[in-house]
Protein backbone atom coordinates (compact mmCIF):
# COMPACT_ATOMS: atom_id res chain seq x y z
CA MET A 1 20.47 16.33 2.98
CA PRO A 2 22.99 13.50 2.49
CA ASP A 3 24.94 13.49 -0.75
CA PRO A 4 23.59 11.09 -3.39
CA PRO A 5 25.45 7.86 -4.12
CA ARG A 6 28.19 8.17 -6.71
CA GLY A 7 26.88 8.22 -10.27
CA LYS A 8 23.30 9.18 -9.33
CA VAL A 9 22.18 12.35 -11.10
CA GLY A 10 18.96 14.15 -11.94
CA TRP A 11 15.75 14.03 -9.90
CA PRO A 12 15.81 13.39 -6.97
CA TRP A 13 19.58 13.04 -6.64
CA THR A 14 21.23 16.22 -7.89
CA GLU A 15 18.01 18.17 -8.51
CA GLU A 16 15.31 19.40 -6.14
CA SER A 17 11.91 21.02 -6.52
CA THR A 18 11.37 24.75 -6.66
CA PRO A 19 10.51 25.70 -3.06
CA LEU A 20 7.25 27.46 -2.27
CA GLN A 21 7.12 30.58 -0.13
CA ASP A 22 6.82 29.80 3.58
CA SER A 23 3.15 30.86 3.60
CA MET A 24 0.32 31.22 1.11
CA PRO A 25 -0.23 34.57 -0.67
CA ASP A 26 -2.87 35.49 1.93
CA GLY A 27 -0.37 34.89 4.73
CA GLU A 28 -2.01 31.67 5.93
CA GLU A 29 -0.06 28.48 6.47
CA TRP A 30 -0.05 25.96 3.65
CA PRO A 31 -2.26 22.93 4.40
CA ARG A 32 -0.24 20.18 6.02
CA VAL A 33 0.52 17.23 3.74
CA SER A 34 1.49 13.81 5.11
CA ILE A 35 3.29 11.22 2.99
CA VAL A 36 3.55 7.66 4.30
CA ILE A 37 6.16 5.28 2.89
CA PRO A 38 5.36 1.61 3.58
CA SER A 39 8.39 -0.55 2.96
CA PHE A 40 9.84 -4.02 3.27
CA ASN A 41 13.21 -5.10 1.86
CA GLN A 42 13.40 -2.39 -0.78
CA GLU A 43 16.95 -1.14 -0.23
CA GLN A 44 17.39 -0.88 -4.00
CA PHE A 45 14.76 1.86 -4.29
CA ILE A 46 13.86 3.35 -0.90
CA GLU A 47 16.49 6.08 -0.84
CA GLU A 48 15.18 7.48 -4.11
CA THR A 49 11.63 7.37 -2.76
CA ILE A 50 12.57 9.23 0.42
CA ARG A 51 14.50 11.91 -1.46
CA SER A 52 11.62 12.46 -3.90
CA ILE A 53 9.45 13.44 -0.93
CA LEU A 54 11.92 15.38 1.19
CA LEU A 55 13.07 17.46 -1.81
CA GLN A 56 9.57 18.68 -2.70
CA GLY A 57 10.20 22.16 -1.33
CA TYR A 58 6.76 22.15 0.29
CA PRO A 59 6.84 24.12 3.57
CA ASN A 60 4.30 22.11 5.57
CA LEU A 61 5.23 18.50 4.85
CA GLU A 62 5.70 15.44 7.03
CA CYS A 63 7.15 12.13 5.88
CA LEU A 64 6.68 8.90 7.81
CA VAL A 65 8.44 5.62 6.97
CA ILE A 66 6.76 2.44 8.22
CA ASP A 67 9.13 -0.44 7.55
CA GLY A 68 7.98 -3.99 8.17
CA GLY A 69 11.21 -5.22 9.75
CA SER A 70 13.42 -5.35 6.67
CA THR A 71 16.34 -7.77 6.70
CA ASP A 72 18.31 -6.04 3.93
CA ASN A 73 20.06 -2.66 4.12
CA SER A 74 16.82 -0.64 4.22
CA VAL A 75 17.12 0.41 7.86
CA GLU A 76 20.60 1.83 7.31
CA VAL A 77 19.25 3.91 4.43
CA ILE A 78 16.29 5.11 6.53
CA LYS A 79 18.59 6.07 9.42
CA LYS A 80 20.64 8.22 7.07
CA TYR A 81 17.58 10.39 6.47
CA SER A 82 16.08 10.17 9.96
CA PRO A 83 16.81 13.86 10.86
CA TRP A 84 14.47 14.91 8.05
CA LEU A 85 11.75 12.33 8.71
CA SER A 86 8.79 13.07 10.99
CA TYR A 87 8.73 9.45 12.14
CA TRP A 88 10.13 6.08 11.21
CA VAL A 89 9.97 2.56 12.57
CA SER A 90 11.15 -0.87 11.49
CA GLU A 91 9.24 -3.75 13.04
CA PRO A 92 6.99 -6.59 11.86
CA ASP A 93 3.48 -5.60 10.82
CA ALA A 94 0.41 -7.22 9.26
CA GLY A 95 1.32 -6.18 5.73
CA GLN A 96 1.32 -3.15 3.49
CA SER A 97 -2.21 -1.97 4.30
CA ASP A 98 -1.57 -2.22 8.03
CA ALA A 99 1.63 -0.20 7.65
CA ILE A 100 -0.13 2.54 5.67
CA ASN A 101 -2.97 2.72 8.19
CA ARG A 102 -0.51 3.08 11.03
CA GLY A 103 1.20 5.92 9.22
CA LEU A 104 -2.05 7.71 8.41
CA LYS A 105 -3.20 7.48 12.02
CA MET A 106 0.09 8.82 13.37
CA ALA A 107 0.21 11.64 10.82
CA SER A 108 -1.25 15.10 11.33
CA GLY A 109 -1.77 16.30 7.76
CA ASP A 110 -4.92 17.78 6.26
CA PHE A 111 -4.16 15.81 3.10
CA ALA A 112 -2.19 12.62 2.68
CA THR A 113 -1.14 9.80 0.44
CA TRP A 114 1.27 6.89 0.52
CA ILE A 115 4.18 6.30 -1.83
CA ASN A 116 5.40 2.72 -1.98
CA SER A 117 9.13 2.36 -1.48
CA ASP A 118 9.72 1.52 -5.14
CA ASP A 119 7.74 4.55 -6.42
CA MET A 120 8.34 8.32 -6.21
CA LEU A 121 6.76 11.74 -6.29
CA CYS A 122 7.42 13.81 -9.39
CA LYS A 123 9.62 16.88 -9.17
CA ASN A 124 7.51 19.89 -8.06
CA ALA A 125 4.47 17.65 -7.47
CA LEU A 126 3.32 19.25 -4.21
CA GLY A 127 4.31 22.79 -5.12
CA ASP A 128 2.53 22.68 -8.48
CA HIS A 129 -0.54 21.14 -6.91
CA ALA A 130 -0.68 23.69 -4.10
CA SER A 131 -0.13 26.73 -6.34
CA GLN A 132 -2.23 25.62 -9.33
CA ILE A 133 -5.04 23.53 -7.80
CA GLY A 134 -5.33 24.15 -4.07
CA PHE A 135 -7.06 22.00 -1.47
CA ASP A 136 -10.74 21.30 -0.81
CA VAL A 137 -11.72 19.38 2.28
CA ASN A 138 -14.01 16.89 0.52
CA THR A 139 -11.99 16.37 -2.68
CA VAL A 140 -9.73 13.54 -3.76
CA TYR A 141 -7.19 14.83 -6.29
CA VAL A 142 -5.79 12.67 -9.09
CA GLY A 143 -2.88 13.94 -11.17
CA PHE A 144 -0.81 12.35 -13.89
CA CYS A 145 1.24 9.26 -13.11
CA VAL A 146 4.55 8.80 -14.93
CA TYR A 147 5.49 5.17 -15.53
CA ILE A 148 9.22 4.46 -15.35
CA GLY A 149 11.29 1.35 -15.90
CA GLN A 150 13.81 -0.09 -13.50
CA ASP A 151 16.38 2.13 -15.25
CA GLU A 152 14.33 5.16 -14.09
CA LYS A 153 13.58 6.29 -17.65
CA PRO A 154 9.97 7.44 -18.35
CA VAL A 155 7.97 4.96 -20.39
CA SER A 156 4.52 6.59 -20.49
CA SER A 157 2.12 8.71 -18.46
CA HIS A 158 -1.52 8.20 -17.53
CA ARG A 159 -4.36 9.90 -15.72
CA GLY A 160 -7.52 8.08 -14.63
CA SER A 161 -11.09 8.92 -15.58
CA VAL A 162 -13.34 7.54 -12.86
CA PHE A 163 -15.99 10.07 -11.82
CA SER A 164 -18.47 7.98 -9.86
CA LEU A 165 -18.83 4.72 -7.98
CA GLU A 166 -20.55 3.24 -11.02
CA ASP A 167 -17.52 4.15 -13.16
CA LEU A 168 -15.28 2.52 -10.58
CA VAL A 169 -17.10 -0.84 -10.62
CA ARG A 170 -17.44 -0.95 -14.42
CA ILE A 171 -14.27 -2.99 -14.76
CA LYS A 172 -14.58 -3.91 -18.44
CA THR A 173 -15.92 -0.65 -19.85
CA VAL A 174 -14.15 1.90 -17.61
CA TRP A 175 -11.48 0.68 -15.18
CA ARG A 176 -9.70 -1.66 -17.61
CA SER A 177 -11.10 -0.32 -20.87
CA GLU A 178 -8.50 0.16 -23.60
CA GLU A 179 -10.40 3.21 -24.83
CA ARG A 180 -11.35 4.80 -21.51
CA LYS A 181 -8.24 3.73 -19.54
CA GLY A 182 -10.12 4.71 -16.43
CA HIS A 183 -7.96 3.14 -13.73
CA ILE A 184 -6.58 5.41 -11.02
CA ASP A 185 -2.84 5.26 -10.39
CA GLN A 186 -2.30 5.28 -6.64
CA PRO A 187 0.96 7.33 -6.60
CA ALA A 188 -0.89 10.18 -8.35
CA VAL A 189 -3.58 10.55 -5.66
CA LEU A 190 -3.83 13.07 -2.82
CA PHE A 191 -6.78 12.67 -0.45
CA PRO A 192 -8.21 14.25 2.74
CA ARG A 193 -6.60 12.26 5.56
CA ALA A 194 -9.51 12.59 8.00
CA LEU A 195 -11.98 11.42 5.36
CA ALA A 196 -9.86 8.35 4.60
CA LEU A 197 -9.66 7.49 8.29
CA SER A 198 -13.41 8.03 8.70
CA VAL A 199 -14.10 5.19 6.23
CA GLY A 200 -11.67 2.89 8.06
CA GLY A 201 -8.55 3.52 6.01
CA LEU A 202 -7.27 0.56 4.02
CA ASN A 203 -8.68 -2.94 4.40
CA ILE A 204 -5.79 -4.88 5.97
CA ASP A 205 -7.19 -8.15 4.60
CA ASN A 206 -6.99 -6.85 1.03
CA HIS A 207 -3.42 -7.26 -0.19
CA TYR A 208 -3.93 -6.66 -3.92
CA THR A 209 -6.63 -4.02 -4.47
CA MET A 210 -6.58 -2.07 -1.21
CA ASP A 211 -6.23 1.25 -3.01
CA TYR A 212 -9.14 0.46 -5.33
CA GLU A 213 -11.27 -0.43 -2.31
CA LEU A 214 -10.35 2.84 -0.60
CA TRP A 215 -11.40 4.86 -3.67
CA GLY A 216 -14.74 3.05 -3.53
CA MET A 217 -15.21 3.77 0.16
CA LEU A 218 -14.42 7.44 -0.47
CA PHE A 219 -17.03 7.57 -3.23
CA LEU A 220 -19.53 5.97 -0.84
CA ALA A 221 -18.66 8.68 1.70
CA GLY A 222 -19.54 11.38 -0.83
CA ALA A 223 -16.07 12.52 -1.86
CA ASN A 224 -15.54 14.42 -5.10
CA PHE A 225 -12.78 13.22 -7.42
CA GLN A 226 -10.98 15.99 -9.29
CA TYR A 227 -8.50 15.28 -12.07
CA THR A 228 -5.60 17.69 -12.49
CA ASP A 229 -2.91 18.35 -15.08
CA VAL A 230 -0.15 18.08 -12.47
CA PRO A 231 2.45 15.32 -12.99
CA PHE A 232 2.25 13.95 -9.46
CA GLY A 233 3.43 10.37 -8.95
CA MET A 234 5.92 8.00 -10.54
CA PHE A 235 5.18 4.27 -10.76
CA ARG A 236 8.15 1.97 -11.25
CA ARG A 237 7.70 -1.25 -13.20
CA HIS A 238 9.89 -4.17 -12.10
CA GLN A 239 9.71 -7.94 -11.79
CA GLU A 240 9.04 -8.26 -8.05
CA GLN A 241 5.75 -6.35 -8.05
CA LYS A 242 2.58 -8.03 -6.75
CA THR A 243 0.74 -6.72 -9.81
CA HIS A 244 2.57 -9.29 -11.94
CA ASN A 245 0.21 -11.97 -10.61
CA THR A 246 -2.55 -10.77 -12.89
CA LEU A 247 -5.10 -13.54 -12.34
CA ARG A 248 -4.97 -13.26 -8.55
CA GLN A 249 -5.16 -9.47 -8.77
CA THR A 250 -8.17 -9.74 -11.09
CA ARG A 251 -9.97 -12.06 -8.68
CA PHE A 252 -9.40 -9.54 -5.86
CA LEU A 253 -10.50 -6.69 -8.09
CA ILE A 254 -13.78 -8.36 -9.02
CA ALA A 255 -14.48 -9.39 -5.41
CA THR A 256 -13.77 -5.85 -4.20
CA ALA A 257 -16.01 -4.31 -6.88
CA ALA A 258 -18.81 -6.71 -5.92
CA LYS A 259 -18.43 -5.72 -2.26
CA LEU A 260 -18.71 -2.02 -3.15
CA ILE A 261 -21.82 -2.65 -5.24
CA THR A 262 -23.56 -4.37 -2.35
CA LEU A 263 -22.71 -1.43 -0.06
CA ALA A 264 -24.09 1.22 -2.42
CA ASP A 265 -27.49 2.50 -1.30
CA ASP A 266 -27.84 4.61 -4.44
CA PHE A 267 -27.97 1.55 -6.72
CA SER A 268 -31.37 -0.06 -7.27
CA GLU A 269 -31.62 -3.82 -6.88
CA ALA A 270 -31.94 -4.14 -10.65
CA ALA A 271 -28.81 -2.04 -11.16
CA LYS A 272 -26.88 -4.10 -8.62
CA LYS A 273 -27.92 -7.31 -10.35
CA GLU A 274 -26.81 -5.98 -13.74
CA LEU A 275 -23.46 -4.72 -12.40
CA LEU A 276 -22.73 -8.00 -10.59
CA SER A 277 -23.61 -9.95 -13.71
CA ASP A 278 -21.17 -7.85 -15.72
CA LEU A 279 -18.44 -8.57 -13.18
CA ASP A 280 -19.06 -12.34 -13.35
CA ALA A 281 -18.98 -12.28 -17.13
CA TYR A 282 -15.75 -10.31 -17.16
CA LEU A 283 -14.05 -12.65 -14.68
CA ASN A 284 -15.08 -15.74 -16.64
CA GLN A 285 -13.80 -14.21 -19.85
CA TYR A 286 -10.56 -13.18 -18.19
CA LYS A 287 -9.98 -16.66 -16.71
CA ASN A 288 -10.65 -18.23 -20.11
CA ASN A 289 -8.19 -15.93 -21.86
CA TYR A 290 -5.64 -16.42 -19.10
CA TRP A 291 -5.95 -20.20 -19.40
CA LYS A 292 -5.33 -20.04 -23.14
CA GLU A 293 -2.04 -18.27 -22.53
CA THR A 294 -0.73 -21.08 -20.31
CA GLY A 295 0.32 -23.38 -23.14
CA ARG A 296 -0.28 -24.97 -26.54
CA LEU A 297 -2.85 -27.55 -25.40
CA ALA A 298 -4.91 -24.86 -23.70
CA ARG A 299 -4.81 -22.69 -26.82
CA MET A 300 -6.08 -25.66 -28.84
CA GLY A 301 -9.28 -25.54 -26.78
CA LEU A 302 -8.94 -28.98 -25.19
CA PRO A 303 -10.98 -29.50 -22.00
CA VAL A 304 -9.36 -28.20 -18.81
CA PRO A 305 -9.38 -31.60 -16.99
CA LEU A 306 -7.65 -33.24 -19.98
CA VAL A 307 -4.96 -30.57 -20.23
CA ALA A 308 -4.42 -30.61 -16.47
CA GLY A 309 -4.08 -34.41 -16.52
CA VAL A 310 -1.53 -34.31 -19.34
CA ARG A 311 0.48 -31.70 -17.48
CA ARG A 312 0.48 -33.77 -14.28
CA LEU A 313 1.71 -36.83 -16.20
CA ARG A 314 4.39 -34.77 -17.89
CA ALA A 315 5.56 -33.35 -14.56
CA ALA A 316 5.63 -36.82 -12.98
CA PHE A 317 7.62 -38.21 -15.91
CA GLN A 318 10.14 -35.37 -15.71
CA LYS A 319 10.51 -35.94 -11.98
CA PHE A 320 11.03 -39.66 -12.58
CA GLN A 321 13.77 -38.91 -15.12
CA VAL A 322 15.59 -36.81 -12.54
CA ILE A 323 15.25 -39.32 -9.68
CA GLU A 324 15.79 -42.62 -11.57
CA PRO A 325 19.51 -42.28 -12.49
CA SER A 326 20.50 -41.36 -8.92
CA SER A 327 18.76 -44.50 -7.58
CA LYS A 328 21.08 -46.85 -9.49
CA THR A 329 24.16 -48.33 -7.83
């Protein structure tokens, strides 16, 4: 493996995972695990992501990097690790979901996941999972996710608590509940690759909640979700993330949940109506709260058209102040 950049220490720079034996205790080969890294212009983080996978010490591992044609230094970083990668490419694609699907289709693993190029696997993630939990063909495994800041220091950890499709679509009382904290952290998930492909993989038209939609499709396909005590994935918080656009993400989340409800044969029509009504109520409440956070006039409860009109006038006046002096001779 290439030496780490100067000054980089700890996992996954100067530390590596404890390697497993080449075969399982019964002499059989360890199940093959495929990790896909979708990436685009993430030179700041991608080397750390790659190393966190290649240094797992798991004997039957493949790592595929699907880069969307980065224009920064990402390709140079990827090339540095190319001897240890199963496959890599850098060319335009149709977005993150398309890149992940391409990787999953090209892979050969029994189990798989994707790790975005600003996230990581935890030290010993695959080895601890393999030796402590094992692999069942119809099971989606969810471990702990460690949240880190841009300085790489741990901030908190979390493990989801969604056990059914109904749990998944209960946005207010499960998925985003402060008490339940049900949401599933994507970097902490390991799923049967063939099962994911059988439900169509990720929806390439869903750019904000594609992982949530996949969990729903796996529930619809009859998958079991098992929660483990293994620290598995690391999610990095930084300013460029799509998840910072919370209103847009919430709209996608509600639309995706509604789609899953309509697809569920196990829900009665009355149950579907009640679940959809809950989603509408949550979205309306969220939009109202979001609006109140946009400024003083909104917090005062003034009508939306009035506040919007005042803001347009203010913007026009500010623009006039900028343009007017330069027009004088």
